[in-house]
Amino acid sequence: MSRRRSAAWWGVLGLMLLALAGCAPRAGTQATPAASPAAAGVPDLGGRTLRVATDATYPPFEMLDEQKNLIGYDIDLIREICRLANCRPEIRSVAWEGILPGVQQGDYDVAISGITITPEREQRVDFTEPYIEVGQVILVRADETRIQGAQDLADKTVAVQLGTTNDELATRMQRERQIREVRRYRTFDLAVAALLNRDVDAVIIDSVAGQGFIAQNPGRLKTVGERLTREQLGIVVREGNTELRDAFNAALRALKQDGTLDRLYRKWFEEWKPK
């Protein structure tokens, strides 16, 4: 090969590499993997790309790692569902308050973000069958001795994430004079930061997410008292999208039967430790 042809070859190769670099995912957006043929018994979604919304501030359900990649229980779960249903999840981290309206308006096809199934939400969107059950708990600083359970919150300030079922519970408890003040934050990591900074006395949070924040802050946090509620989480699709809901339900049943849900639970709620 002549020097002239060699230079041309390297120029083409360089352009190819630049093009590939330009396709790298941005922080907070999950790259779309190739779809696989649908599994037996699971409706085939034809390899379509699904726009998936999540709020990546809720470990260990969804969060960003040190390289700003989306990771967590829900992230692995939606990938497993799409592996069985032959779809490609394009996962984006968005603000919590925009998730359900985004699905309603068609900005996203799916939302998975530790979302509790409630009658009020079911009037706006459709849910899959539940994929996990959680309960709300009281999270406090590790050195807290004044708070042993819900009965000790009447003169305390409690933090929650705005617009969550935790917010609804705390608001009801405040109305019934079981909590003195409720402070609402856009994300739970901000609520936990306020707790660690002693701006609030406690945080009401889902049980497994509470354990996630305890793992991220070793020796600094703990939960107290009994669970305050029992709630089921589901995946959100646009109201009336029975094709997507039915395919996801079939995939969830298959993942439960083959042990994948148990494996993901062990990975994220028992074995996971933040780096």
C-alpha atoms as a PDB file:
ATOM      1  CA  MET A   1       0.000   0.000   0.000  1.00  0.00           C
ATOM      2  CA  SER A   2       1.361   3.425  -0.942  1.00  0.00           C
ATOM      3  CA  ARG A   3       1.840   6.160   1.643  1.00  0.00           C
ATOM      4  CA  ARG A   4      -0.875   8.169  -0.080  1.00  0.00           C
ATOM      5  CA  ARG A   5      -3.455   5.359   0.212  1.00  0.00           C
ATOM      6  CA  SER A   6      -2.386   4.704   3.819  1.00  0.00           C
ATOM      7  CA  ALA A   7      -3.002   8.342   4.757  1.00  0.00           C
ATOM      8  CA  ALA A   8      -6.451   8.215   3.196  1.00  0.00           C
ATOM      9  CA  TRP A   9      -7.289   5.062   5.132  1.00  0.00           C
ATOM     10  CA  TRP A  10      -6.262   6.577   8.438  1.00  0.00           C
ATOM     11  CA  GLY A  11      -8.320   9.681   7.640  1.00  0.00           C
ATOM     12  CA  VAL A  12     -11.435   7.574   7.079  1.00  0.00           C
ATOM     13  CA  LEU A  13     -10.742   5.640  10.279  1.00  0.00           C
ATOM     14  CA  GLY A  14     -10.393   8.884  12.212  1.00  0.00           C
ATOM     15  CA  LEU A  15     -13.749  10.123  10.936  1.00  0.00           C
ATOM     16  CA  MET A  16     -15.346   6.845  11.965  1.00  0.00           C
ATOM     17  CA  LEU A  17     -13.941   7.125  15.479  1.00  0.00           C
ATOM     18  CA  LEU A  18     -15.155  10.709  15.799  1.00  0.00           C
ATOM     19  CA  ALA A  19     -18.620   9.675  14.693  1.00  0.00           C
ATOM     20  CA  LEU A  20     -18.685   6.908  17.280  1.00  0.00           C
ATOM     21  CA  ALA A  21     -17.538   9.305  19.999  1.00  0.00           C
ATOM     22  CA  GLY A  22     -20.360  11.666  19.077  1.00  0.00           C
ATOM     23  CA  CYS A  23     -22.847   8.889  19.820  1.00  0.00           C
ATOM     24  CA  ALA A  24     -21.708   8.468  23.454  1.00  0.00           C
ATOM     25  CA  PRO A  25     -24.612   8.879  25.917  1.00  0.00           C
ATOM     26  CA  ARG A  26     -24.947  12.058  27.927  1.00  0.00           C
ATOM     27  CA  ALA A  27     -24.975  11.981  31.732  1.00  0.00           C
ATOM     28  CA  GLY A  28     -28.383  10.910  32.989  1.00  0.00           C
ATOM     29  CA  THR A  29     -29.311   9.126  29.769  1.00  0.00           C
ATOM     30  CA  GLN A  30     -28.939   5.380  29.421  1.00  0.00           C
ATOM     31  CA  ALA A  31     -27.578   4.103  26.094  1.00  0.00           C
ATOM     32  CA  THR A  32     -30.085   1.958  24.192  1.00  0.00           C
ATOM     33  CA  PRO A  33     -29.026  -1.695  23.927  1.00  0.00           C
ATOM     34  CA  ALA A  34     -29.934  -3.887  20.987  1.00  0.00           C
ATOM     35  CA  ALA A  35     -33.279  -5.646  21.294  1.00  0.00           C
ATOM     36  CA  SER A  36     -33.558  -9.429  21.441  1.00  0.00           C
ATOM     37  CA  PRO A  37     -36.344 -11.650  20.130  1.00  0.00           C
ATOM     38  CA  ALA A  38     -39.263 -11.898  22.536  1.00  0.00           C
ATOM     39  CA  ALA A  39     -39.290 -14.815  24.965  1.00  0.00           C
ATOM     40  CA  ALA A  40     -41.870 -17.562  24.662  1.00  0.00           C
ATOM     41  CA  GLY A  41     -45.191 -16.497  26.182  1.00  0.00           C
ATOM     42  CA  VAL A  42     -44.266 -12.793  26.240  1.00  0.00           C
ATOM     43  CA  PRO A  43     -45.837 -10.523  23.584  1.00  0.00           C
ATOM     44  CA  ASP A  44     -43.315  -9.304  21.004  1.00  0.00           C
ATOM     45  CA  LEU A  45     -42.923  -5.517  20.915  1.00  0.00           C
ATOM     46  CA  GLY A  46     -41.079  -5.700  17.622  1.00  0.00           C
ATOM     47  CA  GLY A  47     -37.746  -4.286  18.727  1.00  0.00           C
ATOM     48  CA  ARG A  48     -39.160  -0.819  19.258  1.00  0.00           C
ATOM     49  CA  THR A  49     -37.349   1.787  21.364  1.00  0.00           C
ATOM     50  CA  LEU A  50     -39.192   2.775  24.530  1.00  0.00           C
ATOM     51  CA  ARG A  51     -38.586   6.129  26.198  1.00  0.00           C
ATOM     52  CA  VAL A  52     -38.266   5.348  29.903  1.00  0.00           C
ATOM     53  CA  ALA A  53     -38.413   8.017  32.614  1.00  0.00           C
ATOM     54  CA  THR A  54     -36.826   7.614  36.054  1.00  0.00           C
ATOM     55  CA  ASP A  55     -35.641   9.900  38.849  1.00  0.00           C
ATOM     56  CA  ALA A  56     -32.071   8.760  39.522  1.00  0.00           C
ATOM     57  CA  THR A  57     -31.922  10.064  43.103  1.00  0.00           C
ATOM     58  CA  TYR A  58     -33.450   7.059  44.844  1.00  0.00           C
ATOM     59  CA  PRO A  59     -30.892   4.369  45.729  1.00  0.00           C
ATOM     60  CA  PRO A  60     -30.910   1.474  45.311  1.00  0.00           C
ATOM     61  CA  PHE A  61     -33.853   1.684  42.883  1.00  0.00           C
ATOM     62  CA  GLU A  62     -32.175   4.189  40.548  1.00  0.00           C
ATOM     63  CA  MET A  63     -29.066   6.332  40.840  1.00  0.00           C
ATOM     64  CA  LEU A  64     -25.973   7.518  38.964  1.00  0.00           C
ATOM     65  CA  ASP A  65     -22.627   5.837  39.473  1.00  0.00           C
ATOM     66  CA  GLU A  66     -19.274   7.633  39.480  1.00  0.00           C
ATOM     67  CA  GLN A  67     -19.262   7.670  35.662  1.00  0.00           C
ATOM     68  CA  LYS A  68     -22.819   9.108  35.579  1.00  0.00           C
ATOM     69  CA  ASN A  69     -24.278   5.835  34.316  1.00  0.00           C
ATOM     70  CA  LEU A  70     -27.778   4.915  35.428  1.00  0.00           C
ATOM     71  CA  ILE A  71     -27.765   1.879  37.719  1.00  0.00           C
ATOM     72  CA  GLY A  72     -30.085   0.252  40.246  1.00  0.00           C
ATOM     73  CA  TYR A  73     -32.840  -2.280  40.770  1.00  0.00           C
ATOM     74  CA  ASP A  74     -35.371  -0.558  38.498  1.00  0.00           C
ATOM     75  CA  ILE A  75     -32.753  -0.046  35.787  1.00  0.00           C
ATOM     76  CA  ASP A  76     -31.860  -3.735  35.733  1.00  0.00           C
ATOM     77  CA  LEU A  77     -35.535  -4.683  35.858  1.00  0.00           C
ATOM     78  CA  ILE A  78     -36.576  -2.636  32.825  1.00  0.00           C
ATOM     79  CA  ARG A  79     -33.666  -4.084  30.868  1.00  0.00           C
ATOM     80  CA  GLU A  80     -34.732  -7.622  31.780  1.00  0.00           C
ATOM     81  CA  ILE A  81     -38.321  -6.864  30.774  1.00  0.00           C
ATOM     82  CA  CYS A  82     -37.220  -5.519  27.403  1.00  0.00           C
ATOM     83  CA  ARG A  83     -34.965  -8.532  26.905  1.00  0.00           C
ATOM     84  CA  LEU A  84     -38.024 -10.770  27.164  1.00  0.00           C
ATOM     85  CA  ALA A  85     -40.460  -8.487  25.314  1.00  0.00           C
ATOM     86  CA  ASN A  86     -38.100  -7.514  22.461  1.00  0.00           C
ATOM     87  CA  CYS A  87     -37.793  -3.786  23.074  1.00  0.00           C
ATOM     88  CA  ARG A  88     -35.010  -1.254  23.616  1.00  0.00           C
ATOM     89  CA  PRO A  89     -35.161   0.881  26.782  1.00  0.00           C
ATOM     90  CA  GLU A  90     -33.891   4.435  26.329  1.00  0.00           C
ATOM     91  CA  ILE A  91     -33.712   5.473  29.973  1.00  0.00           C
ATOM     92  CA  ARG A  92     -33.592   9.127  31.016  1.00  0.00           C
ATOM     93  CA  SER A  93     -33.253  10.649  34.453  1.00  0.00           C
ATOM     94  CA  VAL A  94     -35.835  13.397  34.919  1.00  0.00           C
ATOM     95  CA  ALA A  95     -37.263  15.344  37.859  1.00  0.00           C
ATOM     96  CA  TRP A  96     -39.783  13.363  39.890  1.00  0.00           C
ATOM     97  CA  GLU A  97     -42.574  15.901  39.439  1.00  0.00           C
ATOM     98  CA  GLY A  98     -42.347  15.551  35.661  1.00  0.00           C
ATOM     99  CA  ILE A  99     -42.530  11.764  35.458  1.00  0.00           C
ATOM    100  CA  LEU A 100     -46.272  11.048  35.541  1.00  0.00           C
ATOM    101  CA  PRO A 101     -47.241  14.155  33.508  1.00  0.00           C
ATOM    102  CA  GLY A 102     -44.561  13.175  30.995  1.00  0.00           C
ATOM    103  CA  VAL A 103     -46.156   9.760  30.492  1.00  0.00           C
ATOM    104  CA  GLN A 104     -49.615  11.310  30.280  1.00  0.00           C
ATOM    105  CA  GLN A 105     -48.490  13.762  27.602  1.00  0.00           C
ATOM    106  CA  GLY A 106     -46.638  11.122  25.584  1.00  0.00           C
ATOM    107  CA  ASP A 107     -43.144  12.458  26.285  1.00  0.00           C
ATOM    108  CA  TYR A 108     -42.275   9.025  27.738  1.00  0.00           C
ATOM    109  CA  ASP A 109     -43.664   5.579  27.039  1.00  0.00           C
ATOM    110  CA  VAL A 110     -42.815   4.106  30.430  1.00  0.00           C
ATOM    111  CA  ALA A 111     -41.923   5.279  33.934  1.00  0.00           C
ATOM    112  CA  ILE A 112     -40.150   3.157  36.519  1.00  0.00           C
ATOM    113  CA  SER A 113     -38.974   4.965  39.616  1.00  0.00           C
ATOM    114  CA  GLY A 114     -40.149   3.282  42.801  1.00  0.00           C
ATOM    115  CA  ILE A 115     -43.706   4.423  42.003  1.00  0.00           C
ATOM    116  CA  THR A 116     -46.426   3.369  44.426  1.00  0.00           C
ATOM    117  CA  ILE A 117     -49.701   2.195  42.915  1.00  0.00           C
ATOM    118  CA  THR A 118     -52.497   4.431  44.260  1.00  0.00           C
ATOM    119  CA  PRO A 119     -56.134   4.946  43.217  1.00  0.00           C
ATOM    120  CA  GLU A 120     -55.446   8.627  42.509  1.00  0.00           C
ATOM    121  CA  ARG A 121     -52.564   7.823  40.180  1.00  0.00           C
ATOM    122  CA  GLU A 122     -54.568   5.091  38.473  1.00  0.00           C
ATOM    123  CA  GLN A 123     -56.984   7.798  37.338  1.00  0.00           C
ATOM    124  CA  ARG A 124     -54.161   9.396  35.316  1.00  0.00           C
ATOM    125  CA  VAL A 125     -52.005   6.495  34.093  1.00  0.00           C
ATOM    126  CA  ASP A 126     -52.019   2.708  33.910  1.00  0.00           C
ATOM    127  CA  PHE A 127     -49.859   0.452  36.067  1.00  0.00           C
ATOM    128  CA  THR A 128     -48.451  -2.991  35.549  1.00  0.00           C
ATOM    129  CA  GLU A 129     -48.921  -5.664  38.134  1.00  0.00           C
ATOM    130  CA  PRO A 130     -46.891  -4.933  41.299  1.00  0.00           C
ATOM    131  CA  TYR A 131     -43.254  -6.006  41.151  1.00  0.00           C
ATOM    132  CA  ILE A 132     -42.238  -5.351  44.768  1.00  0.00           C
ATOM    133  CA  GLU A 133     -43.793  -4.394  48.111  1.00  0.00           C
ATOM    134  CA  VAL A 134     -42.283  -1.747  50.367  1.00  0.00           C
ATOM    135  CA  GLY A 135     -43.298   0.125  53.495  1.00  0.00           C
ATOM    136  CA  GLN A 136     -42.686   3.650  54.729  1.00  0.00           C
ATOM    137  CA  VAL A 137     -40.286   4.045  57.643  1.00  0.00           C
ATOM    138  CA  ILE A 138     -38.744   6.777  59.775  1.00  0.00           C
ATOM    139  CA  LEU A 139     -35.106   7.560  58.984  1.00  0.00           C
ATOM    140  CA  VAL A 140     -33.057   9.424  61.607  1.00  0.00           C
ATOM    141  CA  ARG A 141     -29.434  10.188  62.438  1.00  0.00           C
ATOM    142  CA  ALA A 142     -27.507   7.326  64.016  1.00  0.00           C
ATOM    143  CA  ASP A 143     -27.029   9.287  67.264  1.00  0.00           C
ATOM    144  CA  GLU A 144     -30.740  10.133  67.589  1.00  0.00           C
ATOM    145  CA  THR A 145     -32.214   9.045  70.933  1.00  0.00           C
ATOM    146  CA  ARG A 146     -35.366  11.164  71.140  1.00  0.00           C
ATOM    147  CA  ILE A 147     -37.207   9.367  68.323  1.00  0.00           C
ATOM    148  CA  GLN A 148     -38.080   5.691  68.733  1.00  0.00           C
ATOM    149  CA  GLY A 149     -41.130   5.635  66.473  1.00  0.00           C
ATOM    150  CA  ALA A 150     -44.025   7.617  65.029  1.00  0.00           C
ATOM    151  CA  GLN A 151     -45.301   8.464  68.519  1.00  0.00           C
ATOM    152  CA  ASP A 152     -42.251  10.722  69.024  1.00  0.00           C
ATOM    153  CA  LEU A 153     -42.773  13.021  66.013  1.00  0.00           C
ATOM    154  CA  ALA A 154     -45.441  15.339  67.433  1.00  0.00           C
ATOM    155  CA  ASP A 155     -42.903  18.049  68.242  1.00  0.00           C
ATOM    156  CA  LYS A 156     -40.451  17.244  65.421  1.00  0.00           C
ATOM    157  CA  THR A 157     -39.713  18.464  61.897  1.00  0.00           C
ATOM    158  CA  VAL A 158     -39.913  15.776  59.235  1.00  0.00           C
ATOM    159  CA  ALA A 159     -38.585  15.865  55.658  1.00  0.00           C
ATOM    160  CA  VAL A 160     -40.083  14.151  52.600  1.00  0.00           C
ATOM    161  CA  GLN A 161     -39.834  14.311  48.826  1.00  0.00           C
ATOM    162  CA  LEU A 162     -42.484  16.552  47.307  1.00  0.00           C
ATOM    163  CA  GLY A 163     -45.369  14.786  45.605  1.00  0.00           C
ATOM    164  CA  THR A 164     -44.683  11.285  46.932  1.00  0.00           C
ATOM    165  CA  THR A 165     -46.847   8.980  49.012  1.00  0.00           C
ATOM    166  CA  ASN A 166     -44.381   9.781  51.811  1.00  0.00           C
ATOM    167  CA  ASP A 167     -45.451  13.419  51.439  1.00  0.00           C
ATOM    168  CA  GLU A 168     -49.118  12.375  51.576  1.00  0.00           C
ATOM    169  CA  LEU A 169     -48.579  10.359  54.762  1.00  0.00           C
ATOM    170  CA  ALA A 170     -46.586  13.110  56.487  1.00  0.00           C
ATOM    171  CA  THR A 171     -49.208  15.707  55.523  1.00  0.00           C
ATOM    172  CA  ARG A 172     -51.961  13.556  57.031  1.00  0.00           C
ATOM    173  CA  MET A 173     -49.926  12.999  60.188  1.00  0.00           C
ATOM    174  CA  GLN A 174     -49.322  16.739  60.500  1.00  0.00           C
ATOM    175  CA  ARG A 175     -53.036  17.414  60.076  1.00  0.00           C
ATOM    176  CA  GLU A 176     -53.693  14.942  62.880  1.00  0.00           C
ATOM    177  CA  ARG A 177     -51.036  16.682  65.027  1.00  0.00           C
ATOM    178  CA  GLN A 178     -48.696  13.693  64.933  1.00  0.00           C
ATOM    179  CA  ILE A 179     -45.964  15.812  63.257  1.00  0.00           C
ATOM    180  CA  ARG A 180     -45.176  19.427  64.031  1.00  0.00           C
ATOM    181  CA  GLU A 181     -43.740  20.499  60.656  1.00  0.00           C
ATOM    182  CA  VAL A 182     -43.246  18.898  57.236  1.00  0.00           C
ATOM    183  CA  ARG A 183     -40.491  20.137  54.936  1.00  0.00           C
ATOM    184  CA  ARG A 184     -40.664  19.087  51.291  1.00  0.00           C
ATOM    185  CA  TYR A 185     -37.661  18.672  49.025  1.00  0.00           C
ATOM    186  CA  ARG A 186     -37.461  18.022  45.288  1.00  0.00           C
ATOM    187  CA  THR A 187     -35.403  14.854  45.783  1.00  0.00           C
ATOM    188  CA  PHE A 188     -34.861  12.426  48.624  1.00  0.00           C
ATOM    189  CA  ASP A 189     -31.104  12.950  48.606  1.00  0.00           C
ATOM    190  CA  LEU A 190     -31.786  16.610  49.483  1.00  0.00           C
ATOM    191  CA  ALA A 191     -34.110  15.499  52.288  1.00  0.00           C
ATOM    192  CA  VAL A 192     -31.456  13.141  53.644  1.00  0.00           C
ATOM    193  CA  ALA A 193     -28.813  15.865  53.368  1.00  0.00           C
ATOM    194  CA  ALA A 194     -31.066  18.127  55.461  1.00  0.00           C
ATOM    195  CA  LEU A 195     -31.303  15.366  58.060  1.00  0.00           C
ATOM    196  CA  LEU A 196     -27.544  14.901  58.207  1.00  0.00           C
ATOM    197  CA  ASN A 197     -27.108  18.686  58.487  1.00  0.00           C
ATOM    198  CA  ARG A 198     -29.564  18.708  61.436  1.00  0.00           C
ATOM    199  CA  ASP A 199     -32.005  20.955  59.594  1.00  0.00           C
ATOM    200  CA  VAL A 200     -34.757  18.383  60.200  1.00  0.00           C
ATOM    201  CA  ASP A 201     -35.278  15.664  62.792  1.00  0.00           C
ATOM    202  CA  ALA A 202     -36.351  12.771  60.579  1.00  0.00           C
ATOM    203  CA  VAL A 203     -37.219  11.663  57.049  1.00  0.00           C
ATOM    204  CA  ILE A 204     -40.202   9.520  56.091  1.00  0.00           C
ATOM    205  CA  ILE A 205     -39.078   7.274  53.244  1.00  0.00           C
ATOM    206  CA  ASP A 206     -39.713   3.857  51.699  1.00  0.00           C
ATOM    207  CA  SER A 207     -38.006   1.050  53.593  1.00  0.00           C
ATOM    208  CA  VAL A 208     -35.617  -0.215  50.900  1.00  0.00           C
ATOM    209  CA  ALA A 209     -34.661   3.304  49.823  1.00  0.00           C
ATOM    210  CA  GLY A 210     -33.952   4.097  53.458  1.00  0.00           C
ATOM    211  CA  GLN A 211     -31.564   1.158  53.556  1.00  0.00           C
ATOM    212  CA  GLY A 212     -29.961   2.498  50.384  1.00  0.00           C
ATOM    213  CA  PHE A 213     -29.195   5.839  52.031  1.00  0.00           C
ATOM    214  CA  ILE A 214     -27.938   4.044  55.158  1.00  0.00           C
ATOM    215  CA  ALA A 215     -25.523   2.111  52.930  1.00  0.00           C
ATOM    216  CA  GLN A 216     -24.349   5.331  51.289  1.00  0.00           C
ATOM    217  CA  ASN A 217     -23.732   6.941  54.699  1.00  0.00           C
ATOM    218  CA  PRO A 218     -22.270   4.189  56.903  1.00  0.00           C
ATOM    219  CA  GLY A 219     -22.578   4.835  60.629  1.00  0.00           C
ATOM    220  CA  ARG A 220     -24.582   8.033  60.160  1.00  0.00           C
ATOM    221  CA  LEU A 221     -28.213   6.923  59.708  1.00  0.00           C
ATOM    222  CA  LYS A 222     -30.694   4.366  61.017  1.00  0.00           C
ATOM    223  CA  THR A 223     -34.415   3.575  60.888  1.00  0.00           C
ATOM    224  CA  VAL A 224     -36.607   3.466  63.988  1.00  0.00           C
ATOM    225  CA  GLY A 225     -39.990   2.046  64.895  1.00  0.00           C
ATOM    226  CA  GLU A 226     -42.371  -0.095  62.877  1.00  0.00           C
ATOM    227  CA  ARG A 227     -43.253   0.289  59.222  1.00  0.00           C
ATOM    228  CA  LEU A 228     -45.900   2.970  58.800  1.00  0.00           C
ATOM    229  CA  THR A 229     -47.490   1.529  55.641  1.00  0.00           C
ATOM    230  CA  ARG A 230     -47.367  -1.321  53.161  1.00  0.00           C
ATOM    231  CA  GLU A 231     -47.297  -0.293  49.501  1.00  0.00           C
ATOM    232  CA  GLN A 232     -46.944  -1.989  46.132  1.00  0.00           C
ATOM    233  CA  LEU A 233     -44.803  -0.545  43.355  1.00  0.00           C
ATOM    234  CA  GLY A 234     -45.642  -0.784  39.668  1.00  0.00           C
ATOM    235  CA  ILE A 235     -44.380   0.328  36.264  1.00  0.00           C
ATOM    236  CA  VAL A 236     -46.320   3.175  34.641  1.00  0.00           C
ATOM    237  CA  VAL A 237     -47.553   3.249  31.044  1.00  0.00           C
ATOM    238  CA  ARG A 238     -49.856   5.699  29.298  1.00  0.00           C
ATOM    239  CA  GLU A 239     -53.536   5.198  30.076  1.00  0.00           C
ATOM    240  CA  GLY A 240     -55.099   2.796  27.601  1.00  0.00           C
ATOM    241  CA  ASN A 241     -51.811   1.362  26.307  1.00  0.00           C
ATOM    242  CA  THR A 242     -52.883  -2.225  26.879  1.00  0.00           C
ATOM    243  CA  GLU A 243     -50.314  -3.626  24.424  1.00  0.00           C
ATOM    244  CA  LEU A 244     -47.403  -2.325  26.458  1.00  0.00           C
ATOM    245  CA  ARG A 245     -48.988  -3.075  29.826  1.00  0.00           C
ATOM    246  CA  ASP A 246     -49.851  -6.656  28.851  1.00  0.00           C
ATOM    247  CA  ALA A 247     -46.361  -7.313  27.457  1.00  0.00           C
ATOM    248  CA  PHE A 248     -44.770  -5.970  30.643  1.00  0.00           C
ATOM    249  CA  ASN A 249     -47.092  -8.008  32.850  1.00  0.00           C
ATOM    250  CA  ALA A 250     -46.225 -11.187  30.955  1.00  0.00           C
ATOM    251  CA  ALA A 251     -42.511 -10.385  31.272  1.00  0.00           C
ATOM    252  CA  LEU A 252     -42.833  -9.691  35.015  1.00  0.00           C
ATOM    253  CA  ARG A 253     -44.553 -13.029  35.552  1.00  0.00           C
ATOM    254  CA  ALA A 254     -41.794 -14.795  33.594  1.00  0.00           C
ATOM    255  CA  LEU A 255     -39.078 -13.009  35.593  1.00  0.00           C
ATOM    256  CA  LYS A 256     -40.742 -14.014  38.842  1.00  0.00           C
ATOM    257  CA  GLN A 257     -41.055 -17.628  37.718  1.00  0.00           C
ATOM    258  CA  ASP A 258     -37.445 -17.989  36.543  1.00  0.00           C
ATOM    259  CA  GLY A 259     -35.996 -16.420  39.702  1.00  0.00           C
ATOM    260  CA  THR A 260     -34.776 -13.175  38.118  1.00  0.00           C
ATOM    261  CA  LEU A 261     -36.770 -10.963  40.506  1.00  0.00           C
ATOM    262  CA  ASP A 262     -35.259 -12.802  43.478  1.00  0.00           C
ATOM    263  CA  ARG A 263     -31.770 -12.404  41.978  1.00  0.00           C
ATOM    264  CA  LEU A 264     -32.248  -8.664  41.457  1.00  0.00           C
ATOM    265  CA  TYR A 265     -33.573  -8.290  44.997  1.00  0.00           C
ATOM    266  CA  ARG A 266     -30.484  -9.982  46.426  1.00  0.00           C
ATOM    267  CA  LYS A 267     -28.179  -7.924  44.200  1.00  0.00           C
ATOM    268  CA  TRP A 268     -29.573  -4.499  45.096  1.00  0.00           C
ATOM    269  CA  PHE A 269     -31.186  -4.856  48.529  1.00  0.00           C
ATOM    270  CA  GLU A 270     -28.836  -7.332  50.210  1.00  0.00           C
ATOM    271  CA  GLU A 271     -25.456  -7.368  48.420  1.00  0.00           C
ATOM    272  CA  TRP A 272     -25.129  -3.834  46.986  1.00  0.00           C
ATOM    273  CA  LYS A 273     -22.663  -1.521  48.693  1.00  0.00           C
ATOM    274  CA  PRO A 274     -21.916   1.969  47.353  1.00  0.00           C
ATOM    275  CA  LYS A 275     -18.365   2.641  46.217  1.00  0.00           C
END
